Amino acid sequence: MNPYMPYYNPYRPPRGKESRYDCERVISVEGIGSMTVEPDIVQISTGVVTMGEDAKVAQNENQEIMSKVISSIKANGVEDKDIKTVSYLVRPDYDYTQGGKTFKGYEVRQLVQINVRDIENADKIINDAIESGANIQQDMQFRVSNYKEYYDEALDLAVTDSFEKAMNIAESHGMVISEEPVKLQETSSVLQQGRYRGGFLVLSESETTETGTVLVQGRVSTEFQIL
């Protein structure tokens, strides 16, 4: 079935019980509105992994190193409200062989998430954290603080896009449609993030983090009446 052909409902209720949509012929289309936006926040996840035969010793060592990492982050202008612990894990670690498993010690893994509002300073924050003892890093994500404003604009573009699609379909079949949709539903909700990369990252003095962009996209499902 061609998704762009006019939709006719073959399952009509008994006479006298038709709904408005059962009596109408409509064109159903999806509208998409997209834009790329320069981010003003970069979100960095970094942390510390330590190992030890004694769980308490490994935890103390981890906390000591993490305190130095957080101090270096704050020294670069990041406020307390923009630093939060997102993961803390203590687990036994084993070497596995065909003969069984051998206890190696305890792994302690602690991860913090940082919102950096001075994007140009992100490189220095990363490197200083690593020099202070951070040895794990996850994806760097770029965000937009006023995302809702851009998202609403993307939805407006999506509605316009749906009308243009419906008009093209109608004209190609010699039809006339309503200027306003008889049904309009928002089908998008998730903010799309631009990402840098993950893993253990060290930037040299000559390297910089490319800012990237954030994709903001709105989607709507619409129906236009065939007149």
N, C-alpha and C. Protein backbone atom coordinates (compact mmCIF):
# COMPACT_ATOMS: atom_id res chain seq x y z
N MET A 1 0.85 -1.21 0.00
CA MET A 1 0.00 0.00 0.00
C MET A 1 0.87 1.24 0.00
N ASN A 2 0.56 2.17 -0.87
CA ASN A 2 1.30 3.44 -0.92
C ASN A 2 0.92 4.29 0.27
N PRO A 3 1.87 4.62 1.18
CA PRO A 3 1.52 5.38 2.38
C PRO A 3 1.06 6.79 2.08
N TYR A 4 1.30 7.28 0.88
CA TYR A 4 0.93 8.65 0.55
C TYR A 4 -0.40 8.76 -0.20
N MET A 5 -1.01 7.61 -0.50
CA MET A 5 -2.31 7.64 -1.15
C MET A 5 -3.38 8.02 -0.14
N PRO A 6 -4.48 8.65 -0.58
CA PRO A 6 -5.57 8.99 0.34
C PRO A 6 -6.05 7.75 1.09
N TYR A 7 -6.42 7.94 2.32
CA TYR A 7 -6.82 6.82 3.17
C TYR A 7 -8.34 6.71 3.18
N TYR A 8 -8.83 5.53 2.85
CA TYR A 8 -10.25 5.26 2.90
C TYR A 8 -10.50 4.17 3.94
N ASN A 9 -11.45 4.37 4.83
CA ASN A 9 -11.73 3.40 5.87
C ASN A 9 -12.75 2.38 5.37
N PRO A 10 -12.33 1.11 5.16
CA PRO A 10 -13.28 0.11 4.65
C PRO A 10 -14.18 -0.48 5.74
N TYR A 11 -13.86 -0.20 7.00
CA TYR A 11 -14.62 -0.79 8.11
C TYR A 11 -15.58 0.26 8.67
N ARG A 12 -16.64 0.52 7.95
CA ARG A 12 -17.57 1.56 8.38
C ARG A 12 -18.56 0.97 9.37
N PRO A 13 -18.90 1.71 10.43
CA PRO A 13 -19.90 1.24 11.40
C PRO A 13 -21.30 1.29 10.80
N PRO A 14 -22.30 0.75 11.51
CA PRO A 14 -23.67 0.81 11.01
C PRO A 14 -24.10 2.24 10.74
N ARG A 15 -25.04 2.42 9.79
CA ARG A 15 -25.52 3.75 9.42
C ARG A 15 -26.01 4.51 10.64
N GLY A 16 -25.66 5.76 10.74
CA GLY A 16 -26.09 6.59 11.85
C GLY A 16 -25.08 6.64 12.97
N LYS A 17 -24.02 5.79 12.91
CA LYS A 17 -23.02 5.77 13.98
C LYS A 17 -21.64 6.15 13.46
N GLU A 18 -21.57 6.72 12.27
CA GLU A 18 -20.28 7.10 11.72
C GLU A 18 -19.68 8.24 12.52
N SER A 19 -18.38 8.18 12.70
CA SER A 19 -17.66 9.32 13.28
C SER A 19 -17.30 10.28 12.16
N ARG A 20 -16.81 11.46 12.54
CA ARG A 20 -16.44 12.46 11.55
C ARG A 20 -15.38 11.93 10.62
N TYR A 21 -14.39 11.17 11.15
CA TYR A 21 -13.30 10.69 10.32
C TYR A 21 -13.74 9.54 9.41
N ASP A 22 -14.78 8.79 9.83
CA ASP A 22 -15.27 7.72 8.97
C ASP A 22 -15.91 8.28 7.71
N CYS A 23 -16.46 9.49 7.80
CA CYS A 23 -17.18 10.09 6.68
C CYS A 23 -16.25 10.91 5.80
N GLU A 24 -15.02 11.08 6.18
CA GLU A 24 -14.11 11.94 5.44
C GLU A 24 -13.01 11.13 4.77
N ARG A 25 -12.57 11.66 3.66
CA ARG A 25 -11.37 11.13 3.03
C ARG A 25 -10.22 12.02 3.47
N VAL A 26 -9.11 11.43 3.86
CA VAL A 26 -7.98 12.21 4.35
C VAL A 26 -6.68 11.73 3.74
N ILE A 27 -5.70 12.61 3.75
CA ILE A 27 -4.32 12.26 3.40
C ILE A 27 -3.51 12.30 4.68
N SER A 28 -2.86 11.19 5.01
CA SER A 28 -2.06 11.09 6.23
C SER A 28 -0.58 11.21 5.89
N VAL A 29 0.11 12.10 6.55
CA VAL A 29 1.54 12.29 6.30
C VAL A 29 2.26 12.54 7.62
N GLU A 30 3.57 12.32 7.59
CA GLU A 30 4.43 12.65 8.72
C GLU A 30 5.25 13.88 8.36
N GLY A 31 5.32 14.83 9.27
CA GLY A 31 6.14 16.02 9.05
C GLY A 31 7.37 15.98 9.94
N ILE A 32 8.50 16.41 9.40
CA ILE A 32 9.76 16.41 10.14
C ILE A 32 10.38 17.80 10.05
N GLY A 33 10.76 18.33 11.17
CA GLY A 33 11.47 19.60 11.22
C GLY A 33 12.78 19.42 11.95
N SER A 34 13.88 19.83 11.34
CA SER A 34 15.20 19.62 11.94
C SER A 34 16.04 20.88 11.87
N MET A 35 16.93 21.01 12.83
CA MET A 35 17.91 22.09 12.80
C MET A 35 19.12 21.67 13.64
N THR A 36 20.28 22.18 13.28
CA THR A 36 21.47 21.95 14.10
C THR A 36 21.79 23.22 14.85
N VAL A 37 22.13 23.05 16.13
CA VAL A 37 22.31 24.18 17.03
C VAL A 37 23.69 24.10 17.67
N GLU A 38 24.34 25.23 17.79
CA GLU A 38 25.62 25.28 18.50
C GLU A 38 25.38 25.06 19.99
N PRO A 39 26.05 24.10 20.61
CA PRO A 39 25.84 23.83 22.03
C PRO A 39 26.47 24.90 22.92
N ASP A 40 25.93 25.04 24.14
CA ASP A 40 26.54 25.95 25.11
C ASP A 40 26.91 25.23 26.41
N ILE A 41 26.72 23.91 26.44
CA ILE A 41 27.13 23.10 27.59
C ILE A 41 27.76 21.81 27.05
N VAL A 42 28.86 21.40 27.64
CA VAL A 42 29.42 20.09 27.32
C VAL A 42 29.41 19.26 28.58
N GLN A 43 28.89 18.05 28.47
CA GLN A 43 28.76 17.15 29.62
C GLN A 43 29.84 16.09 29.53
N ILE A 44 30.66 16.02 30.56
CA ILE A 44 31.80 15.10 30.60
C ILE A 44 31.59 14.10 31.74
N SER A 45 31.81 12.83 31.46
CA SER A 45 31.76 11.79 32.49
C SER A 45 33.17 11.24 32.66
N THR A 46 33.71 11.36 33.85
CA THR A 46 35.06 10.90 34.13
C THR A 46 35.09 10.24 35.50
N GLY A 47 36.11 9.44 35.75
CA GLY A 47 36.13 8.76 37.03
C GLY A 47 37.42 8.04 37.33
N VAL A 48 37.37 7.24 38.39
CA VAL A 48 38.56 6.56 38.92
C VAL A 48 38.24 5.09 39.18
N VAL A 49 39.14 4.22 38.75
CA VAL A 49 39.06 2.80 39.06
C VAL A 49 40.29 2.41 39.87
N THR A 50 40.08 1.74 41.00
CA THR A 50 41.19 1.24 41.81
C THR A 50 40.98 -0.24 42.10
N MET A 51 42.08 -0.92 42.37
CA MET A 51 42.04 -2.35 42.70
C MET A 51 42.80 -2.59 43.99
N GLY A 52 42.34 -3.58 44.76
CA GLY A 52 43.04 -3.94 45.99
C GLY A 52 42.54 -5.24 46.55
N GLU A 53 43.39 -5.93 47.28
CA GLU A 53 42.97 -7.19 47.88
C GLU A 53 41.97 -6.97 49.00
N ASP A 54 42.03 -5.80 49.62
CA ASP A 54 41.10 -5.44 50.68
C ASP A 54 40.13 -4.39 50.15
N ALA A 55 38.83 -4.65 50.27
CA ALA A 55 37.83 -3.74 49.71
C ALA A 55 37.90 -2.35 50.34
N LYS A 56 38.11 -2.28 51.64
CA LYS A 56 38.15 -0.98 52.32
C LYS A 56 39.35 -0.17 51.87
N VAL A 57 40.49 -0.83 51.71
CA VAL A 57 41.69 -0.13 51.25
C VAL A 57 41.49 0.40 49.84
N ALA A 58 40.88 -0.41 48.98
CA ALA A 58 40.62 0.01 47.61
C ALA A 58 39.65 1.19 47.56
N GLN A 59 38.65 1.18 48.46
CA GLN A 59 37.70 2.28 48.52
C GLN A 59 38.37 3.57 48.99
N ASN A 60 39.20 3.45 50.01
CA ASN A 60 39.89 4.64 50.53
C ASN A 60 40.81 5.24 49.47
N GLU A 61 41.52 4.37 48.74
CA GLU A 61 42.41 4.85 47.68
C GLU A 61 41.60 5.53 46.58
N ASN A 62 40.47 4.94 46.24
CA ASN A 62 39.62 5.52 45.19
C ASN A 62 39.13 6.90 45.60
N GLN A 63 38.66 7.01 46.84
CA GLN A 63 38.12 8.29 47.31
C GLN A 63 39.20 9.36 47.38
N GLU A 64 40.41 8.96 47.76
CA GLU A 64 41.52 9.90 47.84
C GLU A 64 41.86 10.47 46.46
N ILE A 65 41.90 9.59 45.46
CA ILE A 65 42.20 10.05 44.10
C ILE A 65 41.06 10.89 43.56
N MET A 66 39.81 10.45 43.81
CA MET A 66 38.66 11.19 43.30
C MET A 66 38.58 12.58 43.90
N SER A 67 38.96 12.73 45.16
CA SER A 67 38.99 14.06 45.78
C SER A 67 39.94 14.99 45.04
N LYS A 68 41.09 14.45 44.61
CA LYS A 68 42.03 15.26 43.84
C LYS A 68 41.47 15.61 42.47
N VAL A 69 40.77 14.66 41.84
CA VAL A 69 40.16 14.91 40.53
C VAL A 69 39.11 16.02 40.64
N ILE A 70 38.25 15.93 41.65
CA ILE A 70 37.20 16.94 41.81
C ILE A 70 37.80 18.30 42.14
N SER A 71 38.86 18.32 42.93
CA SER A 71 39.53 19.58 43.24
C SER A 71 40.07 20.23 41.98
N SER A 72 40.62 19.43 41.07
CA SER A 72 41.14 19.97 39.82
C SER A 72 40.01 20.50 38.94
N ILE A 73 38.86 19.83 38.99
CA ILE A 73 37.70 20.28 38.21
C ILE A 73 37.19 21.62 38.74
N LYS A 74 37.09 21.74 40.06
CA LYS A 74 36.63 22.99 40.65
C LYS A 74 37.63 24.12 40.42
N ALA A 75 38.91 23.78 40.39
CA ALA A 75 39.94 24.79 40.16
C ALA A 75 39.81 25.40 38.76
N ASN A 76 39.13 24.69 37.86
CA ASN A 76 38.91 25.19 36.50
C ASN A 76 37.57 25.90 36.35
N GLY A 77 36.96 26.27 37.47
CA GLY A 77 35.76 27.10 37.43
C GLY A 77 34.44 26.37 37.42
N VAL A 78 34.44 25.04 37.57
CA VAL A 78 33.18 24.29 37.58
C VAL A 78 32.59 24.34 38.99
N GLU A 79 31.31 24.71 39.09
CA GLU A 79 30.67 24.86 40.39
C GLU A 79 30.16 23.52 40.91
N ASP A 80 29.90 23.48 42.23
CA ASP A 80 29.42 22.25 42.87
C ASP A 80 28.14 21.73 42.21
N LYS A 81 27.24 22.63 41.82
CA LYS A 81 25.96 22.23 41.26
C LYS A 81 26.11 21.51 39.91
N ASP A 82 27.28 21.68 39.29
CA ASP A 82 27.53 21.07 37.99
C ASP A 82 28.39 19.81 38.09
N ILE A 83 28.57 19.29 39.31
CA ILE A 83 29.33 18.06 39.53
C ILE A 83 28.47 17.10 40.34
N LYS A 84 28.26 15.89 39.83
CA LYS A 84 27.49 14.92 40.61
C LYS A 84 28.01 13.51 40.36
N THR A 85 27.98 12.70 41.40
CA THR A 85 28.37 11.30 41.28
C THR A 85 27.23 10.53 40.64
N VAL A 86 27.52 9.82 39.56
CA VAL A 86 26.47 9.08 38.85
C VAL A 86 26.63 7.56 38.99
N SER A 87 27.80 7.12 39.49
CA SER A 87 28.01 5.69 39.65
C SER A 87 29.09 5.42 40.69
N TYR A 88 28.82 4.44 41.57
CA TYR A 88 29.82 4.00 42.55
C TYR A 88 29.64 2.49 42.71
N LEU A 89 30.68 1.74 42.38
CA LEU A 89 30.57 0.28 42.35
C LEU A 89 31.78 -0.37 43.03
N VAL A 90 31.50 -1.34 43.89
CA VAL A 90 32.54 -2.17 44.50
C VAL A 90 32.20 -3.63 44.17
N ARG A 91 33.15 -4.33 43.55
CA ARG A 91 32.86 -5.71 43.18
C ARG A 91 34.13 -6.55 43.22
N PRO A 92 34.00 -7.83 43.51
CA PRO A 92 35.17 -8.72 43.49
C PRO A 92 35.59 -8.98 42.04
N ASP A 93 36.88 -9.17 41.83
CA ASP A 93 37.40 -9.43 40.49
C ASP A 93 38.13 -10.77 40.49
N TYR A 94 37.94 -11.53 39.39
CA TYR A 94 38.53 -12.86 39.33
C TYR A 94 39.26 -13.07 38.00
N ASP A 95 40.25 -13.96 38.04
CA ASP A 95 40.87 -14.49 36.83
C ASP A 95 40.19 -15.83 36.54
N TYR A 96 39.68 -15.97 35.32
CA TYR A 96 38.97 -17.19 34.97
C TYR A 96 39.84 -18.07 34.08
N THR A 97 39.95 -19.35 34.45
CA THR A 97 40.69 -20.34 33.66
C THR A 97 39.83 -21.58 33.50
N GLN A 98 40.34 -22.53 32.74
CA GLN A 98 39.59 -23.76 32.56
C GLN A 98 39.43 -24.51 33.87
N GLY A 99 40.35 -24.31 34.79
CA GLY A 99 40.28 -25.00 36.06
C GLY A 99 39.42 -24.31 37.09
N GLY A 100 38.88 -23.14 36.75
CA GLY A 100 38.05 -22.41 37.70
C GLY A 100 38.38 -20.93 37.70
N LYS A 101 38.26 -20.32 38.85
CA LYS A 101 38.53 -18.89 38.95
C LYS A 101 39.40 -18.61 40.17
N THR A 102 40.23 -17.57 40.03
CA THR A 102 41.13 -17.17 41.11
C THR A 102 40.82 -15.73 41.50
N PHE A 103 40.63 -15.50 42.77
CA PHE A 103 40.33 -14.16 43.26
C PHE A 103 41.52 -13.23 43.08
N LYS A 104 41.30 -12.09 42.44
CA LYS A 104 42.36 -11.10 42.20
C LYS A 104 42.32 -9.96 43.23
N GLY A 105 41.12 -9.62 43.65
CA GLY A 105 40.97 -8.49 44.55
C GLY A 105 39.64 -7.82 44.32
N TYR A 106 39.51 -6.61 44.83
CA TYR A 106 38.27 -5.86 44.67
C TYR A 106 38.49 -4.67 43.74
N GLU A 107 37.53 -4.47 42.85
CA GLU A 107 37.55 -3.31 41.97
C GLU A 107 36.57 -2.27 42.49
N VAL A 108 37.03 -1.04 42.61
CA VAL A 108 36.17 0.07 43.02
C VAL A 108 36.14 1.06 41.86
N ARG A 109 34.94 1.36 41.40
CA ARG A 109 34.76 2.23 40.24
C ARG A 109 33.81 3.37 40.62
N GLN A 110 34.28 4.60 40.46
CA GLN A 110 33.48 5.77 40.78
C GLN A 110 33.48 6.72 39.57
N LEU A 111 32.28 7.18 39.20
CA LEU A 111 32.14 8.02 38.01
C LEU A 111 31.38 9.29 38.38
N VAL A 112 31.90 10.43 37.94
CA VAL A 112 31.21 11.71 38.15
C VAL A 112 30.85 12.32 36.80
N GLN A 113 29.77 13.08 36.81
CA GLN A 113 29.31 13.78 35.60
C GLN A 113 29.47 15.28 35.82
N ILE A 114 30.06 15.94 34.83
CA ILE A 114 30.37 17.36 34.95
C ILE A 114 29.68 18.13 33.83
N ASN A 115 29.02 19.21 34.17
CA ASN A 115 28.48 20.13 33.17
C ASN A 115 29.43 21.31 33.04
N VAL A 116 30.07 21.41 31.89
CA VAL A 116 31.02 22.49 31.65
C VAL A 116 30.32 23.56 30.82
N ARG A 117 30.18 24.76 31.37
CA ARG A 117 29.48 25.83 30.69
C ARG A 117 30.42 26.72 29.88
N ASP A 118 31.70 26.58 30.12
CA ASP A 118 32.71 27.25 29.32
C ASP A 118 33.34 26.19 28.42
N ILE A 119 32.75 26.00 27.25
CA ILE A 119 33.15 24.88 26.39
C ILE A 119 34.61 24.96 26.00
N GLU A 120 35.12 26.16 25.80
CA GLU A 120 36.51 26.31 25.38
C GLU A 120 37.48 25.81 26.44
N ASN A 121 37.00 25.65 27.67
CA ASN A 121 37.84 25.19 28.77
C ASN A 121 37.76 23.68 28.97
N ALA A 122 36.96 23.00 28.14
CA ALA A 122 36.74 21.56 28.33
C ALA A 122 38.03 20.76 28.21
N ASP A 123 38.89 21.13 27.24
CA ASP A 123 40.14 20.38 27.04
C ASP A 123 41.01 20.40 28.29
N LYS A 124 41.13 21.57 28.87
CA LYS A 124 41.98 21.71 30.07
C LYS A 124 41.39 20.94 31.25
N ILE A 125 40.07 20.96 31.38
CA ILE A 125 39.42 20.24 32.47
C ILE A 125 39.69 18.74 32.35
N ILE A 126 39.60 18.22 31.13
CA ILE A 126 39.85 16.79 30.90
C ILE A 126 41.29 16.43 31.26
N ASN A 127 42.21 17.19 30.72
CA ASN A 127 43.62 16.87 30.95
C ASN A 127 44.02 17.01 32.41
N ASP A 128 43.52 18.05 33.09
CA ASP A 128 43.84 18.23 34.51
C ASP A 128 43.26 17.10 35.35
N ALA A 129 42.06 16.63 34.97
CA ALA A 129 41.44 15.51 35.71
C ALA A 129 42.28 14.26 35.55
N ILE A 130 42.77 14.01 34.33
CA ILE A 130 43.61 12.84 34.09
C ILE A 130 44.92 12.94 34.86
N GLU A 131 45.52 14.12 34.85
CA GLU A 131 46.77 14.31 35.59
C GLU A 131 46.57 14.14 37.09
N SER A 132 45.33 14.37 37.55
CA SER A 132 45.03 14.23 38.98
C SER A 132 44.68 12.81 39.36
N GLY A 133 44.57 11.92 38.36
CA GLY A 133 44.33 10.51 38.67
C GLY A 133 43.14 9.87 37.98
N ALA A 134 42.34 10.62 37.25
CA ALA A 134 41.20 10.02 36.55
C ALA A 134 41.72 9.05 35.50
N ASN A 135 41.15 7.86 35.47
CA ASN A 135 41.63 6.85 34.52
C ASN A 135 40.51 6.19 33.71
N ILE A 136 39.29 6.72 33.82
CA ILE A 136 38.20 6.29 32.94
C ILE A 136 37.44 7.53 32.47
N GLN A 137 36.95 7.45 31.24
CA GLN A 137 36.15 8.53 30.71
C GLN A 137 35.16 7.99 29.71
N GLN A 138 33.92 8.44 29.82
CA GLN A 138 32.89 8.03 28.89
C GLN A 138 32.64 9.13 27.87
N ASP A 139 31.54 8.99 27.12
CA ASP A 139 31.26 9.93 26.05
C ASP A 139 31.18 11.37 26.53
N MET A 140 31.68 12.26 25.68
CA MET A 140 31.49 13.69 25.89
C MET A 140 30.27 14.11 25.08
N GLN A 141 29.28 14.73 25.74
CA GLN A 141 28.04 15.09 25.07
C GLN A 141 27.85 16.61 25.08
N PHE A 142 27.41 17.12 23.94
CA PHE A 142 27.14 18.54 23.82
C PHE A 142 25.64 18.79 23.97
N ARG A 143 25.29 19.81 24.75
CA ARG A 143 23.89 20.09 25.05
C ARG A 143 23.57 21.56 24.82
N VAL A 144 22.27 21.82 24.73
CA VAL A 144 21.78 23.19 24.58
C VAL A 144 20.92 23.52 25.79
N SER A 145 21.25 24.58 26.49
CA SER A 145 20.54 24.90 27.73
C SER A 145 19.09 25.31 27.47
N ASN A 146 18.83 26.03 26.37
CA ASN A 146 17.47 26.46 26.03
C ASN A 146 16.90 25.58 24.92
N TYR A 147 17.06 24.28 25.08
CA TYR A 147 16.61 23.31 24.08
C TYR A 147 15.13 23.45 23.74
N LYS A 148 14.28 23.70 24.76
CA LYS A 148 12.83 23.76 24.54
C LYS A 148 12.47 24.79 23.48
N GLU A 149 13.13 25.92 23.46
CA GLU A 149 12.83 26.95 22.47
C GLU A 149 13.10 26.44 21.06
N TYR A 150 14.24 25.77 20.88
CA TYR A 150 14.58 25.23 19.56
C TYR A 150 13.65 24.08 19.18
N TYR A 151 13.26 23.28 20.16
CA TYR A 151 12.38 22.15 19.88
C TYR A 151 11.01 22.63 19.41
N ASP A 152 10.49 23.67 20.05
CA ASP A 152 9.20 24.23 19.63
C ASP A 152 9.29 24.75 18.19
N GLU A 153 10.41 25.36 17.85
CA GLU A 153 10.61 25.84 16.49
C GLU A 153 10.68 24.67 15.51
N ALA A 154 11.33 23.58 15.92
CA ALA A 154 11.41 22.40 15.07
C ALA A 154 10.02 21.79 14.84
N LEU A 155 9.16 21.83 15.86
CA LEU A 155 7.79 21.34 15.69
C LEU A 155 7.02 22.18 14.68
N ASP A 156 7.21 23.51 14.73
CA ASP A 156 6.56 24.38 13.74
C ASP A 156 7.02 24.02 12.33
N LEU A 157 8.31 23.76 12.18
CA LEU A 157 8.84 23.36 10.87
C LEU A 157 8.24 22.02 10.44
N ALA A 158 8.02 21.13 11.40
CA ALA A 158 7.46 19.82 11.08
C ALA A 158 6.03 19.95 10.57
N VAL A 159 5.24 20.84 11.19
CA VAL A 159 3.87 21.06 10.73
C VAL A 159 3.86 21.61 9.31
N THR A 160 4.74 22.58 9.04
CA THR A 160 4.86 23.13 7.69
C THR A 160 5.27 22.06 6.69
N ASP A 161 6.20 21.22 7.10
CA ASP A 161 6.66 20.14 6.23
C ASP A 161 5.53 19.17 5.90
N SER A 162 4.70 18.87 6.88
CA SER A 162 3.59 17.94 6.65
C SER A 162 2.59 18.53 5.66
N PHE A 163 2.31 19.83 5.76
CA PHE A 163 1.37 20.47 4.84
C PHE A 163 1.92 20.46 3.42
N GLU A 164 3.23 20.76 3.27
CA GLU A 164 3.83 20.76 1.94
C GLU A 164 3.79 19.36 1.32
N LYS A 165 4.03 18.33 2.13
CA LYS A 165 3.95 16.96 1.62
C LYS A 165 2.53 16.62 1.17
N ALA A 166 1.56 16.98 2.01
CA ALA A 166 0.17 16.68 1.69
C ALA A 166 -0.27 17.43 0.43
N MET A 167 0.18 18.67 0.27
CA MET A 167 -0.16 19.46 -0.92
C MET A 167 0.41 18.81 -2.18
N ASN A 168 1.65 18.35 -2.10
CA ASN A 168 2.28 17.70 -3.26
C ASN A 168 1.52 16.43 -3.66
N ILE A 169 1.12 15.67 -2.65
CA ILE A 169 0.37 14.45 -2.93
C ILE A 169 -0.98 14.79 -3.56
N ALA A 170 -1.67 15.78 -2.97
CA ALA A 170 -2.99 16.16 -3.47
C ALA A 170 -2.91 16.67 -4.90
N GLU A 171 -1.95 17.55 -5.18
CA GLU A 171 -1.82 18.12 -6.52
C GLU A 171 -1.51 17.05 -7.56
N SER A 172 -0.69 16.07 -7.17
CA SER A 172 -0.33 15.01 -8.12
C SER A 172 -1.52 14.12 -8.45
N HIS A 173 -2.57 14.17 -7.64
CA HIS A 173 -3.77 13.36 -7.88
C HIS A 173 -4.98 14.23 -8.22
N GLY A 174 -4.75 15.52 -8.48
CA GLY A 174 -5.83 16.41 -8.85
C GLY A 174 -6.83 16.66 -7.74
N MET A 175 -6.35 16.72 -6.52
CA MET A 175 -7.23 16.90 -5.36
C MET A 175 -6.97 18.25 -4.70
N VAL A 176 -7.93 18.64 -3.88
CA VAL A 176 -7.80 19.84 -3.06
C VAL A 176 -7.94 19.42 -1.60
N ILE A 177 -7.07 19.94 -0.72
CA ILE A 177 -7.12 19.56 0.69
C ILE A 177 -7.34 20.79 1.57
N SER A 178 -7.70 20.54 2.80
CA SER A 178 -7.88 21.62 3.78
C SER A 178 -6.54 22.26 4.10
N GLU A 179 -6.58 23.56 4.41
CA GLU A 179 -5.34 24.27 4.74
C GLU A 179 -4.84 23.92 6.13
N GLU A 180 -5.73 23.50 7.01
CA GLU A 180 -5.37 23.10 8.37
C GLU A 180 -5.59 21.60 8.53
N PRO A 181 -4.74 20.93 9.27
CA PRO A 181 -4.94 19.49 9.48
C PRO A 181 -6.16 19.22 10.34
N VAL A 182 -6.88 18.14 10.03
CA VAL A 182 -8.01 17.74 10.87
C VAL A 182 -7.53 16.88 12.02
N LYS A 183 -6.27 16.42 11.93
CA LYS A 183 -5.66 15.67 13.03
C LYS A 183 -4.19 16.03 13.08
N LEU A 184 -3.71 16.33 14.26
CA LEU A 184 -2.31 16.71 14.45
C LEU A 184 -1.81 16.12 15.75
N GLN A 185 -0.74 15.32 15.66
CA GLN A 185 -0.20 14.65 16.85
C GLN A 185 1.32 14.76 16.87
N GLU A 186 1.84 15.18 17.98
CA GLU A 186 3.30 15.22 18.16
C GLU A 186 3.80 13.80 18.39
N THR A 187 4.82 13.38 17.63
CA THR A 187 5.33 12.01 17.75
C THR A 187 6.78 11.97 18.20
N SER A 188 7.38 13.10 18.48
CA SER A 188 8.78 13.14 18.94
C SER A 188 8.83 13.70 20.35
N SER A 189 9.89 13.36 21.07
CA SER A 189 10.05 13.89 22.43
C SER A 189 11.50 13.88 22.90
N VAL A 190 12.36 13.09 22.28
CA VAL A 190 13.71 12.90 22.79
C VAL A 190 14.69 13.88 22.16
N LEU A 191 15.49 14.49 22.99
CA LEU A 191 16.53 15.40 22.51
C LEU A 191 17.69 14.59 21.94
N GLN A 192 18.06 14.89 20.72
CA GLN A 192 19.21 14.24 20.09
C GLN A 192 20.49 14.96 20.48
N GLN A 193 21.53 14.20 20.88
CA GLN A 193 22.77 14.79 21.35
C GLN A 193 23.89 14.58 20.35
N GLY A 194 24.69 15.61 20.17
CA GLY A 194 25.95 15.43 19.46
C GLY A 194 26.95 14.82 20.42
N ARG A 195 27.81 13.91 19.95
CA ARG A 195 28.76 13.25 20.84
C ARG A 195 30.17 13.39 20.31
N TYR A 196 31.11 13.40 21.24
CA TYR A 196 32.52 13.45 20.82
C TYR A 196 33.05 12.04 20.68
N ARG A 197 33.53 11.46 21.73
CA ARG A 197 33.95 10.07 21.72
C ARG A 197 34.18 9.61 23.15
N GLY A 198 34.31 8.30 23.32
CA GLY A 198 34.49 7.76 24.66
C GLY A 198 35.87 7.19 24.83
N GLY A 199 36.05 6.49 25.95
CA GLY A 199 37.34 5.86 26.20
C GLY A 199 38.30 6.76 26.95
N PHE A 200 39.53 6.31 27.04
CA PHE A 200 40.56 7.06 27.76
C PHE A 200 41.14 8.10 26.81
N LEU A 201 40.99 9.37 27.14
CA LEU A 201 41.32 10.45 26.23
C LEU A 201 42.32 11.41 26.87
N VAL A 202 43.43 11.64 26.20
CA VAL A 202 44.39 12.65 26.62
C VAL A 202 44.64 13.56 25.43
N LEU A 203 44.46 14.86 25.64
CA LEU A 203 44.67 15.82 24.57
C LEU A 203 46.02 16.50 24.75
N SER A 204 46.79 16.58 23.68
CA SER A 204 48.05 17.29 23.74
C SER A 204 47.78 18.78 23.68
N GLU A 205 48.80 19.59 23.89
CA GLU A 205 48.63 21.04 23.89
C GLU A 205 48.17 21.54 22.53
N SER A 206 48.50 20.82 21.46
CA SER A 206 48.14 21.26 20.12
C SER A 206 46.76 20.77 19.69
N GLU A 207 46.13 19.90 20.50
CA GLU A 207 44.83 19.35 20.14
C GLU A 207 43.73 20.10 20.86
N THR A 208 42.57 20.17 20.21
CA THR A 208 41.40 20.75 20.84
C THR A 208 40.20 19.86 20.56
N THR A 209 39.20 19.94 21.43
CA THR A 209 37.98 19.19 21.25
C THR A 209 37.08 19.93 20.26
N GLU A 210 36.69 19.25 19.17
CA GLU A 210 35.77 19.86 18.24
C GLU A 210 34.40 19.96 18.90
N THR A 211 33.81 21.14 18.81
CA THR A 211 32.57 21.40 19.51
C THR A 211 31.43 20.51 19.05
N GLY A 212 31.32 20.32 17.74
CA GLY A 212 30.19 19.54 17.24
C GLY A 212 28.90 20.35 17.32
N THR A 213 27.81 19.73 16.96
CA THR A 213 26.51 20.39 17.00
C THR A 213 25.48 19.45 17.60
N VAL A 214 24.37 20.03 18.03
CA VAL A 214 23.26 19.27 18.57
C VAL A 214 22.14 19.27 17.54
N LEU A 215 21.66 18.09 17.20
CA LEU A 215 20.53 17.98 16.28
C LEU A 215 19.23 18.06 17.07
N VAL A 216 18.41 19.04 16.73
CA VAL A 216 17.08 19.19 17.35
C VAL A 216 16.05 18.82 16.28
N GLN A 217 15.22 17.86 16.57
CA GLN A 217 14.27 17.38 15.57
C GLN A 217 12.88 17.22 16.17
N GLY A 218 11.89 17.70 15.44
CA GLY A 218 10.50 17.53 15.83
C GLY A 218 9.76 16.74 14.78
N ARG A 219 8.85 15.88 15.20
CA ARG A 219 8.06 15.08 14.27
C ARG A 219 6.58 15.17 14.63
N VAL A 220 5.74 15.23 13.62
CA VAL A 220 4.30 15.26 13.83
C VAL A 220 3.63 14.31 12.84
N SER A 221 2.50 13.77 13.26
CA SER A 221 1.65 12.95 12.39
C SER A 221 0.39 13.77 12.12
N THR A 222 0.05 13.95 10.84
CA THR A 222 -1.09 14.81 10.49
C THR A 222 -2.02 14.13 9.50
N GLU A 223 -3.26 14.61 9.48
CA GLU A 223 -4.22 14.22 8.48
C GLU A 223 -4.88 15.47 7.92
N PHE A 224 -4.96 15.56 6.60
CA PHE A 224 -5.59 16.68 5.93
C PHE A 224 -6.82 16.17 5.18
N GLN A 225 -7.93 16.89 5.32
CA GLN A 225 -9.16 16.46 4.69
C GLN A 225 -9.10 16.74 3.18
N ILE A 226 -9.57 15.78 2.41
CA ILE A 226 -9.72 15.97 0.96
C ILE A 226 -11.07 16.62 0.73
N LEU A 227 -11.07 17.81 0.13
CA LEU A 227 -12.32 18.58 -0.05
C LEU A 227 -13.04 18.14 -1.32
